[in-house]
Amino acid sequence: MDLTFHETRVLGVLLEKSLAQPAYYPMTVNAITNACNQKTNRDPVTDLSESEVSAALSSLRRRDLAQQAEPEPNSRSVKFRHKVDTAYGWNAAQRALMAELFLRGPLTLAELRAKASRMTHLESNDYARELLSELERHEPPLVEEMEREPGRSARRFQHLMSGKKSPAVGTDASSTAGNPQSSEAQPEEDSILARLSKLEEAISELRSELASLRNRDE
């Protein structure tokens, strides 16, 4: 897996909201965009556009990590959900840990447990470490414990779903960690993916309207 920064931010949001605010999940593109750009629980803070979020969603759907949710009765809203349950079999605690690594970057064990506890109960640091060990043993590894950095007393963990390096604190939100494509090619691809996502949303809305008309006629 070689996710871009935008993809990890969007996937992190879907994981976070499914656990912390299930009443607002699944989510529209607008809601995902607002959550991506939150000023709290995010590092770095971003200013993603709906087009960038739509492009990231399209890519995640192709990777089978996200999908369009079933339309709600009498609703024209197009919403999305993650698919990591079927892709990786993560339990709720592992989803919370990965969400924090996606949304905040590298964190120590104590930081991870404290921050992920807003989404699910983590009874101890030992339990959190056991969950991380399972993610480390995955083939290929999804998480790694980093070398101790100068000036730090504890080692940090980072996810490996964007390659070896996670986005550094302060990295420009337009960067694409682990993305082999050049920075010149990425905007063009994002634009194409965004237009494709918009077309898919429009088709879904038309289907919902057609279903509503049929139900009314019946």
N, C-alpha and C. Protein backbone atom coordinates (compact mmCIF):
# COMPACT_ATOMS: atom_id res chain seq x y z
N MET A 1 0.85 -1.19 0.00
CA MET A 1 0.00 0.00 0.00
C MET A 1 0.88 1.23 0.00
N ASP A 2 0.53 2.20 -0.82
CA ASP A 2 1.37 3.40 -0.98
C ASP A 2 0.44 4.61 -1.03
N LEU A 3 -0.23 4.89 0.09
CA LEU A 3 -1.22 5.95 0.13
C LEU A 3 -0.57 7.33 0.12
N THR A 4 -1.26 8.29 -0.51
CA THR A 4 -0.81 9.67 -0.47
C THR A 4 -1.24 10.31 0.85
N PHE A 5 -0.71 11.50 1.11
CA PHE A 5 -1.09 12.22 2.33
C PHE A 5 -2.59 12.49 2.35
N HIS A 6 -3.15 12.92 1.22
CA HIS A 6 -4.59 13.19 1.16
C HIS A 6 -5.39 11.93 1.45
N GLU A 7 -4.96 10.81 0.93
CA GLU A 7 -5.69 9.56 1.16
C GLU A 7 -5.66 9.14 2.63
N THR A 8 -4.49 9.28 3.28
CA THR A 8 -4.42 8.91 4.70
C THR A 8 -5.25 9.87 5.55
N ARG A 9 -5.30 11.17 5.17
CA ARG A 9 -6.11 12.11 5.94
C ARG A 9 -7.60 11.75 5.81
N VAL A 10 -8.05 11.46 4.59
CA VAL A 10 -9.46 11.10 4.38
C VAL A 10 -9.80 9.78 5.08
N LEU A 11 -8.93 8.77 4.93
CA LEU A 11 -9.18 7.48 5.57
C LEU A 11 -9.17 7.63 7.09
N GLY A 12 -8.26 8.45 7.62
CA GLY A 12 -8.22 8.70 9.05
C GLY A 12 -9.50 9.32 9.55
N VAL A 13 -10.06 10.25 8.78
CA VAL A 13 -11.32 10.90 9.15
C VAL A 13 -12.46 9.89 9.18
N LEU A 14 -12.54 9.03 8.17
CA LEU A 14 -13.61 8.03 8.12
C LEU A 14 -13.51 7.07 9.31
N LEU A 15 -12.28 6.67 9.65
CA LEU A 15 -12.09 5.80 10.81
C LEU A 15 -12.48 6.52 12.10
N GLU A 16 -12.01 7.75 12.24
CA GLU A 16 -12.27 8.53 13.45
C GLU A 16 -13.77 8.74 13.67
N LYS A 17 -14.47 9.23 12.67
CA LYS A 17 -15.89 9.57 12.84
C LYS A 17 -16.75 8.32 13.03
N SER A 18 -16.36 7.21 12.41
CA SER A 18 -17.14 5.98 12.59
C SER A 18 -17.10 5.51 14.04
N LEU A 19 -16.01 5.83 14.75
CA LEU A 19 -15.86 5.42 16.14
C LEU A 19 -16.33 6.50 17.11
N ALA A 20 -15.91 7.75 16.86
CA ALA A 20 -16.18 8.83 17.81
C ALA A 20 -17.55 9.46 17.65
N GLN A 21 -18.06 9.52 16.41
CA GLN A 21 -19.35 10.16 16.14
C GLN A 21 -20.16 9.34 15.15
N PRO A 22 -20.55 8.12 15.55
CA PRO A 22 -21.26 7.23 14.61
C PRO A 22 -22.57 7.80 14.09
N ALA A 23 -23.17 8.75 14.83
CA ALA A 23 -24.43 9.35 14.37
C ALA A 23 -24.22 10.16 13.09
N TYR A 24 -22.98 10.62 12.85
CA TYR A 24 -22.68 11.42 11.66
C TYR A 24 -21.91 10.63 10.61
N TYR A 25 -22.02 9.31 10.70
CA TYR A 25 -21.30 8.42 9.79
C TYR A 25 -22.30 7.44 9.19
N PRO A 26 -22.19 7.10 7.88
CA PRO A 26 -21.20 7.55 6.89
C PRO A 26 -21.31 9.04 6.58
N MET A 27 -20.37 9.55 5.75
CA MET A 27 -20.18 10.98 5.62
C MET A 27 -20.24 11.45 4.16
N THR A 28 -20.76 12.68 3.98
CA THR A 28 -20.75 13.31 2.66
C THR A 28 -19.35 13.86 2.38
N VAL A 29 -19.10 14.23 1.14
CA VAL A 29 -17.81 14.83 0.77
C VAL A 29 -17.60 16.12 1.55
N ASN A 30 -18.65 16.91 1.70
CA ASN A 30 -18.54 18.17 2.43
C ASN A 30 -18.17 17.92 3.89
N ALA A 31 -18.80 16.93 4.52
CA ALA A 31 -18.50 16.62 5.92
C ALA A 31 -17.08 16.10 6.08
N ILE A 32 -16.64 15.27 5.14
CA ILE A 32 -15.28 14.75 5.18
C ILE A 32 -14.27 15.88 5.03
N THR A 33 -14.56 16.81 4.12
CA THR A 33 -13.66 17.94 3.91
C THR A 33 -13.52 18.78 5.17
N ASN A 34 -14.65 19.08 5.79
CA ASN A 34 -14.61 19.87 7.04
C ASN A 34 -13.83 19.14 8.12
N ALA A 35 -14.01 17.82 8.21
CA ALA A 35 -13.30 17.04 9.23
C ALA A 35 -11.81 16.96 8.92
N CYS A 36 -11.46 16.87 7.65
CA CYS A 36 -10.04 16.86 7.27
C CYS A 36 -9.34 18.15 7.71
N ASN A 37 -10.07 19.26 7.65
CA ASN A 37 -9.49 20.58 7.92
C ASN A 37 -9.72 21.07 9.35
N GLN A 38 -10.13 20.18 10.24
CA GLN A 38 -10.31 20.56 11.64
C GLN A 38 -9.03 21.20 12.19
N LYS A 39 -9.22 22.11 13.13
CA LYS A 39 -8.06 22.74 13.77
C LYS A 39 -7.57 21.93 14.96
N THR A 40 -8.40 20.98 15.44
CA THR A 40 -8.01 20.15 16.57
C THR A 40 -7.82 18.70 16.12
N ASN A 41 -6.99 17.98 16.85
CA ASN A 41 -6.73 16.56 16.58
C ASN A 41 -6.16 16.30 15.19
N ARG A 42 -5.45 17.31 14.64
CA ARG A 42 -4.85 17.19 13.32
C ARG A 42 -3.42 17.73 13.34
N ASP A 43 -2.51 17.04 12.69
CA ASP A 43 -1.15 17.53 12.56
C ASP A 43 -0.57 16.95 11.27
N PRO A 44 -0.35 17.78 10.25
CA PRO A 44 -0.56 19.23 10.25
C PRO A 44 -2.02 19.59 10.00
N VAL A 45 -2.40 20.83 10.34
CA VAL A 45 -3.71 21.37 9.99
C VAL A 45 -3.70 21.65 8.49
N THR A 46 -4.77 21.28 7.80
CA THR A 46 -4.80 21.40 6.35
C THR A 46 -5.93 22.30 5.88
N ASP A 47 -5.93 22.56 4.59
CA ASP A 47 -6.99 23.34 3.95
C ASP A 47 -7.33 22.66 2.63
N LEU A 48 -7.78 21.41 2.72
CA LEU A 48 -8.09 20.65 1.52
C LEU A 48 -9.40 21.14 0.90
N SER A 49 -9.47 21.08 -0.40
CA SER A 49 -10.70 21.43 -1.12
C SER A 49 -11.57 20.18 -1.28
N GLU A 50 -12.84 20.39 -1.63
CA GLU A 50 -13.72 19.25 -1.87
C GLU A 50 -13.24 18.43 -3.06
N SER A 51 -12.64 19.10 -4.05
CA SER A 51 -12.12 18.37 -5.21
C SER A 51 -10.98 17.44 -4.80
N GLU A 52 -10.11 17.91 -3.91
CA GLU A 52 -9.00 17.08 -3.44
C GLU A 52 -9.52 15.91 -2.62
N VAL A 53 -10.51 16.15 -1.81
CA VAL A 53 -11.10 15.08 -1.01
C VAL A 53 -11.81 14.07 -1.92
N SER A 54 -12.53 14.56 -2.92
CA SER A 54 -13.20 13.66 -3.87
C SER A 54 -12.20 12.78 -4.60
N ALA A 55 -11.08 13.37 -4.99
CA ALA A 55 -10.04 12.61 -5.68
C ALA A 55 -9.47 11.53 -4.77
N ALA A 56 -9.23 11.88 -3.52
CA ALA A 56 -8.71 10.91 -2.56
C ALA A 56 -9.71 9.77 -2.34
N LEU A 57 -10.99 10.12 -2.25
CA LEU A 57 -12.02 9.10 -2.09
C LEU A 57 -12.07 8.14 -3.28
N SER A 58 -11.97 8.69 -4.48
CA SER A 58 -11.99 7.85 -5.68
C SER A 58 -10.83 6.86 -5.67
N SER A 59 -9.67 7.34 -5.26
CA SER A 59 -8.50 6.46 -5.19
C SER A 59 -8.67 5.39 -4.11
N LEU A 60 -9.19 5.79 -2.94
CA LEU A 60 -9.42 4.82 -1.87
C LEU A 60 -10.44 3.77 -2.28
N ARG A 61 -11.42 4.17 -3.06
CA ARG A 61 -12.43 3.21 -3.53
C ARG A 61 -11.80 2.21 -4.50
N ARG A 62 -10.90 2.68 -5.36
CA ARG A 62 -10.21 1.78 -6.27
C ARG A 62 -9.32 0.81 -5.51
N ARG A 63 -8.78 1.26 -4.39
CA ARG A 63 -7.94 0.40 -3.56
C ARG A 63 -8.77 -0.50 -2.65
N ASP A 64 -10.09 -0.37 -2.72
CA ASP A 64 -11.03 -1.15 -1.92
C ASP A 64 -10.90 -0.85 -0.42
N LEU A 65 -10.57 0.42 -0.10
CA LEU A 65 -10.48 0.85 1.29
C LEU A 65 -11.65 1.76 1.68
N ALA A 66 -12.47 2.15 0.71
CA ALA A 66 -13.65 2.98 0.97
C ALA A 66 -14.71 2.61 -0.05
N GLN A 67 -15.95 2.95 0.27
CA GLN A 67 -17.04 2.67 -0.65
C GLN A 67 -18.16 3.68 -0.43
N GLN A 68 -19.01 3.80 -1.45
CA GLN A 68 -20.19 4.64 -1.31
C GLN A 68 -21.22 3.88 -0.49
N ALA A 69 -21.79 4.55 0.49
CA ALA A 69 -22.77 3.91 1.36
C ALA A 69 -24.11 3.76 0.65
N GLU A 70 -24.91 2.82 1.12
CA GLU A 70 -26.26 2.65 0.59
C GLU A 70 -27.05 3.93 0.84
N PRO A 71 -27.79 4.42 -0.15
CA PRO A 71 -28.54 5.67 0.04
C PRO A 71 -29.61 5.53 1.11
N GLU A 72 -29.78 6.58 1.90
CA GLU A 72 -30.80 6.57 2.94
C GLU A 72 -32.16 6.87 2.31
N PRO A 73 -33.24 6.35 2.89
CA PRO A 73 -34.58 6.59 2.33
C PRO A 73 -34.88 8.09 2.24
N ASN A 74 -35.38 8.51 1.08
CA ASN A 74 -35.78 9.90 0.84
C ASN A 74 -34.63 10.90 1.02
N SER A 75 -33.42 10.44 0.80
CA SER A 75 -32.26 11.32 0.89
C SER A 75 -31.49 11.32 -0.42
N ARG A 76 -31.07 12.50 -0.85
CA ARG A 76 -30.29 12.62 -2.08
C ARG A 76 -28.80 12.71 -1.78
N SER A 77 -28.43 12.71 -0.51
CA SER A 77 -27.02 12.86 -0.12
C SER A 77 -26.23 11.60 -0.48
N VAL A 78 -25.05 11.81 -1.05
CA VAL A 78 -24.14 10.70 -1.34
C VAL A 78 -23.13 10.64 -0.21
N LYS A 79 -23.04 9.49 0.44
CA LYS A 79 -22.16 9.35 1.60
C LYS A 79 -21.18 8.19 1.41
N PHE A 80 -20.10 8.25 2.18
CA PHE A 80 -19.03 7.27 2.03
C PHE A 80 -18.65 6.68 3.38
N ARG A 81 -18.13 5.45 3.32
CA ARG A 81 -17.66 4.75 4.51
C ARG A 81 -16.33 4.04 4.19
N HIS A 82 -15.58 3.70 5.24
CA HIS A 82 -14.32 2.98 5.03
C HIS A 82 -14.60 1.48 4.91
N LYS A 83 -13.60 0.73 4.43
CA LYS A 83 -13.74 -0.72 4.30
C LYS A 83 -12.56 -1.46 4.93
N VAL A 84 -11.90 -0.84 5.90
CA VAL A 84 -10.72 -1.49 6.48
C VAL A 84 -11.10 -2.76 7.25
N ASP A 85 -12.35 -2.84 7.69
CA ASP A 85 -12.78 -4.06 8.40
C ASP A 85 -12.58 -5.28 7.51
N THR A 86 -13.04 -5.19 6.27
CA THR A 86 -12.91 -6.31 5.35
C THR A 86 -11.51 -6.40 4.75
N ALA A 87 -10.85 -5.26 4.59
CA ALA A 87 -9.52 -5.25 3.98
C ALA A 87 -8.46 -5.81 4.92
N TYR A 88 -8.54 -5.44 6.22
CA TYR A 88 -7.49 -5.82 7.16
C TYR A 88 -7.99 -6.52 8.42
N GLY A 89 -9.27 -6.46 8.71
CA GLY A 89 -9.78 -7.12 9.89
C GLY A 89 -9.40 -6.44 11.20
N TRP A 90 -9.10 -5.13 11.15
CA TRP A 90 -8.75 -4.41 12.38
C TRP A 90 -9.95 -4.37 13.32
N ASN A 91 -9.69 -4.56 14.62
CA ASN A 91 -10.75 -4.36 15.60
C ASN A 91 -10.88 -2.86 15.89
N ALA A 92 -11.84 -2.47 16.73
CA ALA A 92 -12.10 -1.05 16.98
C ALA A 92 -10.87 -0.35 17.56
N ALA A 93 -10.15 -1.01 18.46
CA ALA A 93 -8.98 -0.40 19.07
C ALA A 93 -7.88 -0.16 18.03
N GLN A 94 -7.67 -1.11 17.14
CA GLN A 94 -6.66 -0.94 16.10
C GLN A 94 -7.07 0.14 15.11
N ARG A 95 -8.37 0.22 14.82
CA ARG A 95 -8.83 1.29 13.93
C ARG A 95 -8.57 2.66 14.57
N ALA A 96 -8.77 2.75 15.88
CA ALA A 96 -8.53 4.02 16.58
C ALA A 96 -7.05 4.38 16.56
N LEU A 97 -6.18 3.40 16.78
CA LEU A 97 -4.74 3.66 16.76
C LEU A 97 -4.28 4.11 15.37
N MET A 98 -4.76 3.41 14.33
CA MET A 98 -4.37 3.78 12.98
C MET A 98 -4.92 5.14 12.60
N ALA A 99 -6.13 5.45 13.05
CA ALA A 99 -6.71 6.76 12.76
C ALA A 99 -5.82 7.87 13.32
N GLU A 100 -5.32 7.69 14.55
CA GLU A 100 -4.45 8.71 15.15
C GLU A 100 -3.15 8.85 14.37
N LEU A 101 -2.58 7.74 13.92
CA LEU A 101 -1.33 7.82 13.14
C LEU A 101 -1.59 8.48 11.79
N PHE A 102 -2.76 8.24 11.19
CA PHE A 102 -3.10 8.89 9.93
C PHE A 102 -3.31 10.39 10.12
N LEU A 103 -3.95 10.78 11.22
CA LEU A 103 -4.36 12.17 11.43
C LEU A 103 -3.32 13.04 12.10
N ARG A 104 -2.38 12.42 12.83
CA ARG A 104 -1.41 13.21 13.60
C ARG A 104 0.04 12.90 13.27
N GLY A 105 0.32 11.81 12.55
CA GLY A 105 1.70 11.45 12.31
C GLY A 105 2.27 10.64 13.46
N PRO A 106 3.60 10.47 13.51
CA PRO A 106 4.23 9.63 14.52
C PRO A 106 3.91 10.07 15.95
N LEU A 107 3.65 9.07 16.82
CA LEU A 107 3.30 9.32 18.22
C LEU A 107 3.95 8.26 19.11
N THR A 108 4.21 8.61 20.37
CA THR A 108 4.71 7.63 21.32
C THR A 108 3.57 6.71 21.75
N LEU A 109 3.90 5.62 22.42
CA LEU A 109 2.88 4.69 22.88
C LEU A 109 1.90 5.38 23.82
N ALA A 110 2.44 6.15 24.78
CA ALA A 110 1.57 6.85 25.73
C ALA A 110 0.67 7.85 25.02
N GLU A 111 1.22 8.58 24.05
CA GLU A 111 0.42 9.55 23.30
C GLU A 111 -0.68 8.84 22.51
N LEU A 112 -0.31 7.74 21.86
CA LEU A 112 -1.28 6.99 21.06
C LEU A 112 -2.45 6.50 21.92
N ARG A 113 -2.12 5.90 23.07
CA ARG A 113 -3.18 5.38 23.92
C ARG A 113 -4.08 6.51 24.41
N ALA A 114 -3.48 7.63 24.84
CA ALA A 114 -4.28 8.74 25.37
C ALA A 114 -5.18 9.34 24.31
N LYS A 115 -4.65 9.55 23.12
CA LYS A 115 -5.42 10.21 22.06
C LYS A 115 -6.46 9.28 21.46
N ALA A 116 -6.11 8.00 21.31
CA ALA A 116 -7.06 7.04 20.72
C ALA A 116 -8.20 6.72 21.68
N SER A 117 -8.01 6.98 22.98
CA SER A 117 -9.04 6.67 23.96
C SER A 117 -10.29 7.52 23.78
N ARG A 118 -10.21 8.60 23.00
CA ARG A 118 -11.42 9.39 22.73
C ARG A 118 -12.35 8.64 21.77
N MET A 119 -11.82 7.60 21.12
CA MET A 119 -12.62 6.82 20.18
C MET A 119 -13.03 5.46 20.72
N THR A 120 -12.20 4.88 21.56
CA THR A 120 -12.49 3.55 22.11
C THR A 120 -11.68 3.35 23.38
N HIS A 121 -12.09 2.40 24.20
CA HIS A 121 -11.40 2.16 25.47
C HIS A 121 -10.14 1.35 25.24
N LEU A 122 -9.02 1.83 25.75
CA LEU A 122 -7.74 1.11 25.72
C LEU A 122 -7.31 0.96 27.18
N GLU A 123 -7.41 -0.24 27.69
CA GLU A 123 -7.28 -0.45 29.13
C GLU A 123 -5.90 -0.19 29.70
N SER A 124 -4.85 -0.32 28.88
CA SER A 124 -3.50 -0.12 29.39
C SER A 124 -2.53 0.12 28.24
N ASN A 125 -1.33 0.63 28.58
CA ASN A 125 -0.29 0.78 27.58
C ASN A 125 0.14 -0.57 27.03
N ASP A 126 0.14 -1.60 27.90
CA ASP A 126 0.52 -2.94 27.45
C ASP A 126 -0.45 -3.46 26.39
N TYR A 127 -1.74 -3.20 26.59
CA TYR A 127 -2.73 -3.63 25.62
C TYR A 127 -2.55 -2.90 24.29
N ALA A 128 -2.31 -1.58 24.36
CA ALA A 128 -2.07 -0.79 23.15
C ALA A 128 -0.82 -1.30 22.43
N ARG A 129 0.21 -1.65 23.20
CA ARG A 129 1.45 -2.14 22.58
C ARG A 129 1.22 -3.48 21.91
N GLU A 130 0.40 -4.33 22.51
CA GLU A 130 0.08 -5.63 21.91
C GLU A 130 -0.63 -5.44 20.57
N LEU A 131 -1.55 -4.49 20.52
CA LEU A 131 -2.26 -4.21 19.27
C LEU A 131 -1.31 -3.70 18.19
N LEU A 132 -0.40 -2.83 18.58
CA LEU A 132 0.58 -2.32 17.64
C LEU A 132 1.50 -3.43 17.14
N SER A 133 1.84 -4.37 18.02
CA SER A 133 2.69 -5.49 17.62
C SER A 133 2.02 -6.33 16.54
N GLU A 134 0.70 -6.50 16.66
CA GLU A 134 -0.03 -7.23 15.62
C GLU A 134 0.07 -6.52 14.29
N LEU A 135 -0.02 -5.20 14.32
CA LEU A 135 0.09 -4.41 13.09
C LEU A 135 1.51 -4.45 12.54
N GLU A 136 2.50 -4.56 13.42
CA GLU A 136 3.89 -4.67 12.99
C GLU A 136 4.16 -6.02 12.33
N ARG A 137 3.47 -7.06 12.82
CA ARG A 137 3.71 -8.41 12.29
C ARG A 137 2.94 -8.69 11.00
N HIS A 138 2.05 -7.77 10.64
CA HIS A 138 1.31 -7.95 9.39
C HIS A 138 2.28 -8.03 8.22
N GLU A 139 1.91 -8.76 7.19
CA GLU A 139 2.77 -8.89 6.01
C GLU A 139 2.10 -8.24 4.80
N PRO A 140 2.60 -7.08 4.31
CA PRO A 140 3.75 -6.34 4.85
C PRO A 140 3.38 -5.59 6.12
N PRO A 141 4.38 -5.15 6.92
CA PRO A 141 4.09 -4.42 8.16
C PRO A 141 3.31 -3.14 7.88
N LEU A 142 2.37 -2.84 8.78
CA LEU A 142 1.56 -1.63 8.65
C LEU A 142 2.00 -0.52 9.59
N VAL A 143 2.78 -0.90 10.60
CA VAL A 143 3.26 0.04 11.62
C VAL A 143 4.69 -0.34 11.98
N GLU A 144 5.48 0.65 12.38
CA GLU A 144 6.82 0.35 12.89
C GLU A 144 7.15 1.27 14.06
N GLU A 145 7.97 0.75 14.97
CA GLU A 145 8.49 1.56 16.06
C GLU A 145 9.77 2.22 15.56
N MET A 146 9.81 3.54 15.58
CA MET A 146 10.94 4.28 15.03
C MET A 146 12.11 4.30 16.01
N GLU A 147 13.28 4.59 15.50
CA GLU A 147 14.44 4.76 16.36
C GLU A 147 14.23 5.97 17.26
N ARG A 148 14.80 5.90 18.49
CA ARG A 148 14.67 7.04 19.40
C ARG A 148 15.37 8.25 18.80
N GLU A 149 14.67 9.37 18.80
CA GLU A 149 15.19 10.60 18.21
C GLU A 149 15.90 11.45 19.26
N PRO A 150 16.90 12.23 18.84
CA PRO A 150 17.61 13.09 19.79
C PRO A 150 16.66 14.01 20.54
N GLY A 151 16.82 14.09 21.85
CA GLY A 151 15.98 14.96 22.65
C GLY A 151 14.67 14.34 23.08
N ARG A 152 14.41 13.09 22.66
CA ARG A 152 13.16 12.42 23.05
C ARG A 152 13.47 11.26 23.97
N SER A 153 12.67 11.10 25.01
CA SER A 153 12.88 10.02 25.96
C SER A 153 12.19 8.73 25.54
N ALA A 154 11.20 8.84 24.65
CA ALA A 154 10.45 7.66 24.21
C ALA A 154 10.46 7.55 22.70
N ARG A 155 10.41 6.33 22.23
CA ARG A 155 10.36 6.10 20.79
C ARG A 155 8.94 6.30 20.28
N ARG A 156 8.82 6.69 19.04
CA ARG A 156 7.51 6.92 18.44
C ARG A 156 7.18 5.82 17.44
N PHE A 157 5.88 5.70 17.16
CA PHE A 157 5.40 4.75 16.16
C PHE A 157 4.87 5.52 14.96
N GLN A 158 5.03 4.94 13.78
CA GLN A 158 4.47 5.54 12.57
C GLN A 158 3.83 4.45 11.72
N HIS A 159 2.81 4.83 10.95
CA HIS A 159 2.21 3.87 10.03
C HIS A 159 3.08 3.78 8.78
N LEU A 160 2.97 2.65 8.08
CA LEU A 160 3.78 2.40 6.90
C LEU A 160 2.93 2.31 5.63
N MET A 161 1.71 2.81 5.70
CA MET A 161 0.83 2.70 4.54
C MET A 161 1.08 3.79 3.50
N SER A 162 2.05 4.67 3.79
CA SER A 162 2.50 5.64 2.79
C SER A 162 3.98 5.40 2.49
N GLY A 163 4.44 4.17 2.67
CA GLY A 163 5.85 3.90 2.52
C GLY A 163 6.56 4.07 3.86
N LYS A 164 7.86 4.17 3.81
CA LYS A 164 8.67 4.20 5.03
C LYS A 164 8.48 5.48 5.82
N LYS A 165 8.30 6.61 5.15
CA LYS A 165 8.24 7.89 5.84
C LYS A 165 6.80 8.37 5.96
N SER A 166 6.41 8.81 7.16
CA SER A 166 5.15 9.51 7.35
C SER A 166 5.38 10.98 7.14
N PRO A 167 4.33 11.77 6.77
CA PRO A 167 4.51 13.21 6.59
C PRO A 167 5.06 13.84 7.86
N ALA A 168 6.09 14.67 7.74
CA ALA A 168 6.67 15.35 8.89
C ALA A 168 5.76 16.45 9.37
N VAL A 169 5.87 16.79 10.67
CA VAL A 169 5.09 17.89 11.22
C VAL A 169 5.43 19.15 10.44
N GLY A 170 4.39 19.84 9.99
CA GLY A 170 4.62 21.07 9.24
C GLY A 170 4.72 20.85 7.75
N THR A 171 4.60 19.58 7.30
CA THR A 171 4.66 19.30 5.87
C THR A 171 3.49 19.96 5.17
N ASP A 172 3.73 20.53 4.00
CA ASP A 172 2.66 21.13 3.21
C ASP A 172 1.61 20.09 2.92
N ALA A 173 0.36 20.43 3.14
CA ALA A 173 -0.74 19.47 2.97
C ALA A 173 -0.84 18.97 1.55
N SER A 174 -0.25 19.65 0.60
CA SER A 174 -0.35 19.21 -0.79
C SER A 174 0.68 18.13 -1.11
N SER A 175 1.58 17.83 -0.16
CA SER A 175 2.58 16.80 -0.41
C SER A 175 1.91 15.45 -0.43
N THR A 176 2.56 14.46 -1.07
CA THR A 176 2.00 13.12 -1.15
C THR A 176 3.06 12.15 -0.69
N ALA A 177 3.03 11.83 0.60
CA ALA A 177 4.05 10.96 1.19
C ALA A 177 4.00 9.60 0.54
N GLY A 178 5.17 9.12 0.12
CA GLY A 178 5.27 7.80 -0.45
C GLY A 178 4.72 7.69 -1.84
N ASN A 179 4.34 8.78 -2.46
CA ASN A 179 3.76 8.73 -3.80
C ASN A 179 4.88 8.81 -4.83
N PRO A 180 5.04 7.80 -5.69
CA PRO A 180 6.13 7.81 -6.65
C PRO A 180 5.93 8.80 -7.78
N GLN A 181 4.72 9.36 -7.93
CA GLN A 181 4.47 10.28 -9.02
C GLN A 181 5.13 11.62 -8.75
N SER A 182 5.45 12.32 -9.78
CA SER A 182 6.05 13.64 -9.62
C SER A 182 5.01 14.64 -9.17
N SER A 183 5.46 15.74 -8.55
CA SER A 183 4.54 16.76 -8.07
C SER A 183 3.82 17.42 -9.22
N GLU A 184 4.40 17.41 -10.42
CA GLU A 184 3.76 18.02 -11.58
C GLU A 184 2.59 17.18 -12.06
N ALA A 185 2.71 15.85 -11.95
CA ALA A 185 1.66 14.98 -12.48
C ALA A 185 0.49 14.85 -11.51
N GLN A 186 0.74 15.00 -10.22
CA GLN A 186 -0.30 14.75 -9.23
C GLN A 186 -1.52 15.66 -9.38
N PRO A 187 -1.37 16.99 -9.55
CA PRO A 187 -2.56 17.84 -9.67
C PRO A 187 -3.47 17.43 -10.82
N GLU A 188 -2.87 17.05 -11.96
CA GLU A 188 -3.67 16.64 -13.12
C GLU A 188 -4.46 15.37 -12.81
N GLU A 189 -3.81 14.40 -12.14
CA GLU A 189 -4.51 13.17 -11.79
C GLU A 189 -5.62 13.45 -10.79
N ASP A 190 -5.34 14.30 -9.79
CA ASP A 190 -6.35 14.65 -8.80
C ASP A 190 -7.57 15.28 -9.45
N SER A 191 -7.33 16.14 -10.47
CA SER A 191 -8.43 16.79 -11.16
C SER A 191 -9.30 15.77 -11.88
N ILE A 192 -8.68 14.81 -12.54
CA ILE A 192 -9.42 13.78 -13.26
C ILE A 192 -10.22 12.93 -12.28
N LEU A 193 -9.59 12.54 -11.16
CA LEU A 193 -10.27 11.73 -10.16
C LEU A 193 -11.44 12.48 -9.54
N ALA A 194 -11.25 13.78 -9.31
CA ALA A 194 -12.32 14.59 -8.73
C ALA A 194 -13.52 14.65 -9.67
N ARG A 195 -13.26 14.86 -10.98
CA ARG A 195 -14.36 14.90 -11.94
C ARG A 195 -15.08 13.56 -12.01
N LEU A 196 -14.31 12.47 -11.96
CA LEU A 196 -14.91 11.14 -11.98
C LEU A 196 -15.80 10.93 -10.77
N SER A 197 -15.31 11.36 -9.59
CA SER A 197 -16.09 11.22 -8.37
C SER A 197 -17.39 12.02 -8.45
N LYS A 198 -17.31 13.24 -9.01
CA LYS A 198 -18.51 14.08 -9.16
C LYS A 198 -19.53 13.39 -10.07
N LEU A 199 -19.06 12.78 -11.15
CA LEU A 199 -19.97 12.07 -12.05
C LEU A 199 -20.64 10.90 -11.35
N GLU A 200 -19.86 10.16 -10.55
CA GLU A 200 -20.42 9.04 -9.82
C GLU A 200 -21.48 9.50 -8.83
N GLU A 201 -21.22 10.64 -8.17
CA GLU A 201 -22.19 11.18 -7.21
C GLU A 201 -23.47 11.60 -7.94
N ALA A 202 -23.31 12.23 -9.11
CA ALA A 202 -24.49 12.67 -9.87
C ALA A 202 -25.33 11.49 -10.30
N ILE A 203 -24.68 10.42 -10.74
CA ILE A 203 -25.41 9.22 -11.15
C ILE A 203 -26.16 8.62 -9.96
N SER A 204 -25.49 8.60 -8.80
CA SER A 204 -26.13 8.05 -7.60
C SER A 204 -27.36 8.87 -7.22
N GLU A 205 -27.24 10.21 -7.31
CA GLU A 205 -28.37 11.08 -6.99
C GLU A 205 -29.54 10.83 -7.93
N LEU A 206 -29.24 10.68 -9.23
CA LEU A 206 -30.29 10.41 -10.21
C LEU A 206 -30.99 9.08 -9.91
N ARG A 207 -30.21 8.07 -9.51
CA ARG A 207 -30.81 6.78 -9.17
C ARG A 207 -31.73 6.91 -7.95
N SER A 208 -31.29 7.70 -6.96
CA SER A 208 -32.10 7.89 -5.75
C SER A 208 -33.41 8.59 -6.10
N GLU A 209 -33.32 9.62 -6.98
CA GLU A 209 -34.52 10.34 -7.39
C GLU A 209 -35.48 9.42 -8.15
N LEU A 210 -34.92 8.57 -9.02
CA LEU A 210 -35.73 7.64 -9.79
C LEU A 210 -36.44 6.66 -8.85
N ALA A 211 -35.70 6.17 -7.84
CA ALA A 211 -36.30 5.23 -6.89
C ALA A 211 -37.42 5.90 -6.11
N SER A 212 -37.23 7.18 -5.74
CA SER A 212 -38.26 7.90 -5.01
C SER A 212 -39.52 8.07 -5.85
N LEU A 213 -39.33 8.38 -7.16
CA LEU A 213 -40.48 8.53 -8.05
C LEU A 213 -41.23 7.22 -8.22
N ARG A 214 -40.50 6.12 -8.30
CA ARG A 214 -41.17 4.83 -8.44
C ARG A 214 -41.96 4.50 -7.20
N ASN A 215 -41.38 4.76 -6.02
CA ASN A 215 -42.09 4.49 -4.77
C ASN A 215 -43.35 5.35 -4.65
N ARG A 216 -43.27 6.59 -5.15
CA ARG A 216 -44.41 7.49 -5.08
C ARG A 216 -45.53 6.99 -5.98
N ASP A 217 -45.16 6.48 -7.19
CA ASP A 217 -46.15 5.97 -8.13
C ASP A 217 -46.83 4.72 -7.57
N GLU A 218 -46.06 3.93 -6.82
CA GLU A 218 -46.64 2.70 -6.26
C GLU A 218 -47.62 3.02 -5.13
